[in-house]
Amino acid sequence: MRYTMVALLMKTGESLSAIQRRIGHASARTTSDIYDHVSEKLENSTVKHFNHFDPRDPA
């Protein structure tokens, strides 16, 4: 449940410091270290969405 909550908050664009306080980590760095892979997946998804609008993208 905790992982899902963090992933959903990240997906909605909530700040890392707000997420850190919500889940009780001592620092945002701890949150970032643990959940960095979630933000990487979201970034990859964002890139795919933006590439859809790129006229040079053959897909």
PDB file of N, CA and C in Angstrom:
ATOM      1  N   MET A   1       0.818  -1.186   0.000  1.00  0.00           N
ATOM      2  CA  MET A   1       0.000   0.000   0.000  1.00  0.00           C
ATOM      3  C   MET A   1       0.872   1.264   0.000  1.00  0.00           C
ATOM      4  N   ARG A   2       1.941   1.210   0.752  1.00  0.00           N
ATOM      5  CA  ARG A   2       2.828   2.375   0.845  1.00  0.00           C
ATOM      6  C   ARG A   2       3.436   2.708  -0.516  1.00  0.00           C
ATOM      7  N   TYR A   3       3.920   1.676  -1.202  1.00  0.00           N
ATOM      8  CA  TYR A   3       4.518   1.865  -2.517  1.00  0.00           C
ATOM      9  C   TYR A   3       3.490   2.453  -3.488  1.00  0.00           C
ATOM     10  N   THR A   4       2.285   1.918  -3.455  1.00  0.00           N
ATOM     11  CA  THR A   4       1.222   2.395  -4.340  1.00  0.00           C
ATOM     12  C   THR A   4       0.907   3.852  -4.057  1.00  0.00           C
ATOM     13  N   MET A   5       0.835   4.215  -2.780  1.00  0.00           N
ATOM     14  CA  MET A   5       0.560   5.601  -2.414  1.00  0.00           C
ATOM     15  C   MET A   5       1.647   6.527  -2.968  1.00  0.00           C
ATOM     16  N   VAL A   6       2.902   6.159  -2.793  1.00  0.00           N
ATOM     17  CA  VAL A   6       3.999   6.987  -3.283  1.00  0.00           C
ATOM     18  C   VAL A   6       3.944   7.087  -4.802  1.00  0.00           C
ATOM     19  N   ALA A   7       3.715   5.975  -5.481  1.00  0.00           N
ATOM     20  CA  ALA A   7       3.655   5.987  -6.943  1.00  0.00           C
ATOM     21  C   ALA A   7       2.525   6.884  -7.436  1.00  0.00           C
ATOM     22  N   LEU A   8       1.366   6.799  -6.813  1.00  0.00           N
ATOM     23  CA  LEU A   8       0.238   7.632  -7.220  1.00  0.00           C
ATOM     24  C   LEU A   8       0.501   9.107  -6.951  1.00  0.00           C
ATOM     25  N   LEU A   9       1.099   9.414  -5.815  1.00  0.00           N
ATOM     26  CA  LEU A   9       1.419  10.809  -5.511  1.00  0.00           C
ATOM     27  C   LEU A   9       2.442  11.360  -6.498  1.00  0.00           C
ATOM     28  N   MET A  10       3.435  10.545  -6.836  1.00  0.00           N
ATOM     29  CA  MET A  10       4.436  10.984  -7.816  1.00  0.00           C
ATOM     30  C   MET A  10       3.785  11.197  -9.180  1.00  0.00           C
ATOM     31  N   LYS A  11       2.875  10.307  -9.547  1.00  0.00           N
ATOM     32  CA  LYS A  11       2.214  10.404 -10.842  1.00  0.00           C
ATOM     33  C   LYS A  11       1.385  11.682 -10.949  1.00  0.00           C
ATOM     34  N   THR A  12       0.807  12.115  -9.845  1.00  0.00           N
ATOM     35  CA  THR A  12       0.005  13.336  -9.866  1.00  0.00           C
ATOM     36  C   THR A  12       0.859  14.594  -9.788  1.00  0.00           C
ATOM     37  N   GLY A  13       2.175  14.412  -9.618  1.00  0.00           N
ATOM     38  CA  GLY A  13       3.072  15.561  -9.603  1.00  0.00           C
ATOM     39  C   GLY A  13       3.319  16.162  -8.234  1.00  0.00           C
ATOM     40  N   GLU A  14       2.959  15.444  -7.195  1.00  0.00           N
ATOM     41  CA  GLU A  14       3.189  15.948  -5.836  1.00  0.00           C
ATOM     42  C   GLU A  14       4.692  16.090  -5.597  1.00  0.00           C
ATOM     43  N   SER A  15       5.054  17.087  -4.818  1.00  0.00           N
ATOM     44  CA  SER A  15       6.477  17.333  -4.566  1.00  0.00           C
ATOM     45  C   SER A  15       7.076  16.217  -3.712  1.00  0.00           C
ATOM     46  N   LEU A  16       8.351  15.970  -3.929  1.00  0.00           N
ATOM     47  CA  LEU A  16       9.051  14.932  -3.190  1.00  0.00           C
ATOM     48  C   LEU A  16       9.056  15.234  -1.690  1.00  0.00           C
ATOM     49  N   SER A  17       9.195  16.488  -1.312  1.00  0.00           N
ATOM     50  CA  SER A  17       9.210  16.822   0.112  1.00  0.00           C
ATOM     51  C   SER A  17       7.848  16.577   0.759  1.00  0.00           C
ATOM     52  N   ALA A  18       6.762  16.811   0.022  1.00  0.00           N
ATOM     53  CA  ALA A  18       5.423  16.533   0.556  1.00  0.00           C
ATOM     54  C   ALA A  18       5.226  15.028   0.734  1.00  0.00           C
ATOM     55  N   ILE A  19       5.706  14.246  -0.239  1.00  0.00           N
ATOM     56  CA  ILE A  19       5.614  12.788  -0.139  1.00  0.00           C
ATOM     57  C   ILE A  19       6.449  12.298   1.034  1.00  0.00           C
ATOM     58  N   GLN A  20       7.631  12.843   1.171  1.00  0.00           N
ATOM     59  CA  GLN A  20       8.529  12.461   2.265  1.00  0.00           C
ATOM     60  C   GLN A  20       7.866  12.686   3.619  1.00  0.00           C
ATOM     61  N   ARG A  21       7.229  13.818   3.788  1.00  0.00           N
ATOM     62  CA  ARG A  21       6.545  14.096   5.061  1.00  0.00           C
ATOM     63  C   ARG A  21       5.367  13.152   5.268  1.00  0.00           C
ATOM     64  N   ARG A  22       4.647  12.868   4.194  1.00  0.00           N
ATOM     65  CA  ARG A  22       3.463  12.005   4.280  1.00  0.00           C
ATOM     66  C   ARG A  22       3.829  10.586   4.717  1.00  0.00           C
ATOM     67  N   ILE A  23       4.936  10.059   4.208  1.00  0.00           N
ATOM     68  CA  ILE A  23       5.296   8.681   4.549  1.00  0.00           C
ATOM     69  C   ILE A  23       6.242   8.586   5.747  1.00  0.00           C
ATOM     70  N   GLY A  24       6.702   9.731   6.230  1.00  0.00           N
ATOM     71  CA  GLY A  24       7.459   9.742   7.476  1.00  0.00           C
ATOM     72  C   GLY A  24       8.954   9.533   7.367  1.00  0.00           C
ATOM     73  N   HIS A  25       9.516   9.736   6.190  1.00  0.00           N
ATOM     74  CA  HIS A  25      10.975   9.650   6.072  1.00  0.00           C
ATOM     75  C   HIS A  25      11.615  10.883   6.695  1.00  0.00           C
ATOM     76  N   ALA A  26      12.820  10.710   7.208  1.00  0.00           N
ATOM     77  CA  ALA A  26      13.535  11.814   7.845  1.00  0.00           C
ATOM     78  C   ALA A  26      13.961  12.877   6.837  1.00  0.00           C
ATOM     79  N   SER A  27      14.169  12.463   5.579  1.00  0.00           N
ATOM     80  CA  SER A  27      14.579  13.429   4.565  1.00  0.00           C
ATOM     81  C   SER A  27      14.023  13.033   3.203  1.00  0.00           C
ATOM     82  N   ALA A  28      13.932  14.014   2.322  1.00  0.00           N
ATOM     83  CA  ALA A  28      13.478  13.748   0.958  1.00  0.00           C
ATOM     84  C   ALA A  28      14.505  12.886   0.224  1.00  0.00           C
ATOM     85  N   ARG A  29      15.742  12.966   0.638  1.00  0.00           N
ATOM     86  CA  ARG A  29      16.806  12.154   0.029  1.00  0.00           C
ATOM     87  C   ARG A  29      16.518  10.667   0.223  1.00  0.00           C
ATOM     88  N   THR A  30      16.054  10.299   1.411  1.00  0.00           N
ATOM     89  CA  THR A  30      15.700   8.911   1.691  1.00  0.00           C
ATOM     90  C   THR A  30      14.587   8.458   0.750  1.00  0.00           C
ATOM     91  N   THR A  31      13.567   9.283   0.619  1.00  0.00           N
ATOM     92  CA  THR A  31      12.449   8.975  -0.271  1.00  0.00           C
ATOM     93  C   THR A  31      12.939   8.825  -1.698  1.00  0.00           C
ATOM     94  N   SER A  32      13.777   9.745  -2.133  1.00  0.00           N
ATOM     95  CA  SER A  32      14.323   9.704  -3.478  1.00  0.00           C
ATOM     96  C   SER A  32      15.139   8.442  -3.706  1.00  0.00           C
ATOM     97  N   ASP A  33      15.967   8.082  -2.749  1.00  0.00           N
ATOM     98  CA  ASP A  33      16.803   6.888  -2.891  1.00  0.00           C
ATOM     99  C   ASP A  33      15.953   5.619  -3.023  1.00  0.00           C
ATOM    100  N   ILE A  34      14.862   5.552  -2.271  1.00  0.00           N
ATOM    101  CA  ILE A  34      14.028   4.351  -2.263  1.00  0.00           C
ATOM    102  C   ILE A  34      13.121   4.277  -3.482  1.00  0.00           C
ATOM    103  N   TYR A  35      12.551   5.413  -3.878  1.00  0.00           N
ATOM    104  CA  TYR A  35      11.525   5.420  -4.921  1.00  0.00           C
ATOM    105  C   TYR A  35      11.988   6.047  -6.232  1.00  0.00           C
ATOM    106  N   ASP A  36      13.284   6.179  -6.433  1.00  0.00           N
ATOM    107  CA  ASP A  36      13.817   6.797  -7.637  1.00  0.00           C
ATOM    108  C   ASP A  36      13.376   6.069  -8.900  1.00  0.00           C
ATOM    109  N   HIS A  37      13.275   4.759  -8.849  1.00  0.00           N
ATOM    110  CA  HIS A  37      12.867   3.986 -10.026  1.00  0.00           C
ATOM    111  C   HIS A  37      11.447   4.331 -10.462  1.00  0.00           C
ATOM    112  N   VAL A  38      10.600   4.747  -9.527  1.00  0.00           N
ATOM    113  CA  VAL A  38       9.234   5.146  -9.874  1.00  0.00           C
ATOM    114  C   VAL A  38       9.274   6.420 -10.708  1.00  0.00           C
ATOM    115  N   SER A  39      10.079   7.392 -10.268  1.00  0.00           N
ATOM    116  CA  SER A  39      10.154   8.646 -11.018  1.00  0.00           C
ATOM    117  C   SER A  39      10.784   8.424 -12.391  1.00  0.00           C
ATOM    118  N   GLU A  40      11.713   7.486 -12.502  1.00  0.00           N
ATOM    119  CA  GLU A  40      12.312   7.173 -13.810  1.00  0.00           C
ATOM    120  C   GLU A  40      11.263   6.609 -14.762  1.00  0.00           C
ATOM    121  N   LYS A  41      10.400   5.733 -14.277  1.00  0.00           N
ATOM    122  CA  LYS A  41       9.332   5.178 -15.112  1.00  0.00           C
ATOM    123  C   LYS A  41       8.392   6.280 -15.573  1.00  0.00           C
ATOM    124  N   LEU A  42       8.062   7.206 -14.668  1.00  0.00           N
ATOM    125  CA  LEU A  42       7.173   8.308 -15.026  1.00  0.00           C
ATOM    126  C   LEU A  42       7.816   9.218 -16.064  1.00  0.00           C
ATOM    127  N   GLU A  43       9.114   9.458 -15.925  1.00  0.00           N
ATOM    128  CA  GLU A  43       9.821  10.285 -16.897  1.00  0.00           C
ATOM    129  C   GLU A  43       9.819   9.619 -18.275  1.00  0.00           C
ATOM    130  N   ASN A  44      10.042   8.312 -18.314  1.00  0.00           N
ATOM    131  CA  ASN A  44      10.015   7.586 -19.592  1.00  0.00           C
ATOM    132  C   ASN A  44       8.631   7.666 -20.227  1.00  0.00           C
ATOM    133  N   SER A  45       7.608   7.562 -19.419  1.00  0.00           N
ATOM    134  CA  SER A  45       6.243   7.670 -19.920  1.00  0.00           C
ATOM    135  C   SER A  45       5.982   9.064 -20.482  1.00  0.00           C
ATOM    136  N   THR A  46       6.473  10.077 -19.790  1.00  0.00           N
ATOM    137  CA  THR A  46       6.302  11.451 -20.238  1.00  0.00           C
ATOM    138  C   THR A  46       6.993  11.664 -21.586  1.00  0.00           C
ATOM    139  N   VAL A  47       8.185  11.136 -21.718  1.00  0.00           N
ATOM    140  CA  VAL A  47       8.931  11.272 -22.972  1.00  0.00           C
ATOM    141  C   VAL A  47       8.147  10.633 -24.115  1.00  0.00           C
ATOM    142  N   LYS A  48       7.577   9.459 -23.873  1.00  0.00           N
ATOM    143  CA  LYS A  48       6.795   8.787 -24.912  1.00  0.00           C
ATOM    144  C   LYS A  48       5.595   9.636 -25.320  1.00  0.00           C
ATOM    145  N   HIS A  49       4.932  10.238 -24.345  1.00  0.00           N
ATOM    146  CA  HIS A  49       3.779  11.075 -24.656  1.00  0.00           C
ATOM    147  C   HIS A  49       4.193  12.295 -25.483  1.00  0.00           C
ATOM    148  N   PHE A  50       5.281  12.935 -25.119  1.00  0.00           N
ATOM    149  CA  PHE A  50       5.735  14.099 -25.868  1.00  0.00           C
ATOM    150  C   PHE A  50       6.221  13.722 -27.262  1.00  0.00           C
ATOM    151  N   ASN A  51       6.854  12.571 -27.380  1.00  0.00           N
ATOM    152  CA  ASN A  51       7.324  12.126 -28.694  1.00  0.00           C
ATOM    153  C   ASN A  51       6.167  11.906 -29.666  1.00  0.00           C
ATOM    154  N   HIS A  52       5.013  11.600 -29.135  1.00  0.00           N
ATOM    155  CA  HIS A  52       3.827  11.422 -29.974  1.00  0.00           C
ATOM    156  C   HIS A  52       3.524  12.683 -30.784  1.00  0.00           C
ATOM    157  N   PHE A  53       3.865  13.829 -30.237  1.00  0.00           N
ATOM    158  CA  PHE A  53       3.591  15.103 -30.895  1.00  0.00           C
ATOM    159  C   PHE A  53       4.755  15.612 -31.748  1.00  0.00           C
ATOM    160  N   ASP A  54       5.830  14.861 -31.769  1.00  0.00           N
ATOM    161  CA  ASP A  54       7.003  15.255 -32.544  1.00  0.00           C
ATOM    162  C   ASP A  54       6.789  14.880 -34.013  1.00  0.00           C
ATOM    163  N   PRO A  55       6.779  15.834 -34.907  1.00  0.00           N
ATOM    164  CA  PRO A  55       6.527  15.525 -36.318  1.00  0.00           C
ATOM    165  C   PRO A  55       7.602  14.622 -36.939  1.00  0.00           C
ATOM    166  N   ARG A  56       8.768  14.555 -36.307  1.00  0.00           N
ATOM    167  CA  ARG A  56       9.835  13.696 -36.827  1.00  0.00           C
ATOM    168  C   ARG A  56       9.691  12.251 -36.373  1.00  0.00           C
ATOM    169  N   ASP A  57       8.782  11.990 -35.405  1.00  0.00           N
ATOM    170  CA  ASP A  57       8.572  10.654 -34.865  1.00  0.00           C
ATOM    171  C   ASP A  57       7.731   9.832 -35.841  1.00  0.00           C
ATOM    172  N   PRO A  58       8.270   8.742 -36.397  1.00  0.00           N
ATOM    173  CA  PRO A  58       7.540   7.962 -37.408  1.00  0.00           C
ATOM    174  C   PRO A  58       6.358   7.183 -36.844  1.00  0.00           C
ATOM    175  N   ALA A  59       6.314   6.981 -35.541  1.00  0.00           N
ATOM    176  CA  ALA A  59       5.231   6.180 -34.947  1.00  0.00           C
ATOM    177  C   ALA A  59       3.976   6.964 -34.977  1.00  0.00           C
TER     178      ALA A  59
END
